[in-house]
């Protein structure tokens, strides 16, 4: 009886793993962002919340890693950590585009078996 209950519970969790992981990410973001790590400096807590959320999403992988990696582009301006222009300057620099472009070329070469 107990074994069957345990199997059913495990099955439920496995079917809804992505939803549980995303819910956990939201709880981490809100919980840590609202805490007060450095008194009078709320940006520290907000940044820690984003870092913890990204770590959780990388570990549990309910989203592709690339989608998780780009979350600060949206979350930093939304939470008032950095302006959108500052974030974009860091994410979309010339160096980043060289890496993106070379990765696309490598993927294309691999796909057509050159």
Foldseek 3Di string as FASTA:
>chain_A
DVVVVVVVVVVVCVVCVLVVLVVVLVCLQVVQLPDPPDPPDSLVSNVVSLVVSLVSCVVSVSDPNVVSVCVCLPSCCVSVNDNNVVVCCVCVPPVNVVVVVVVVVVVVCVVVVD
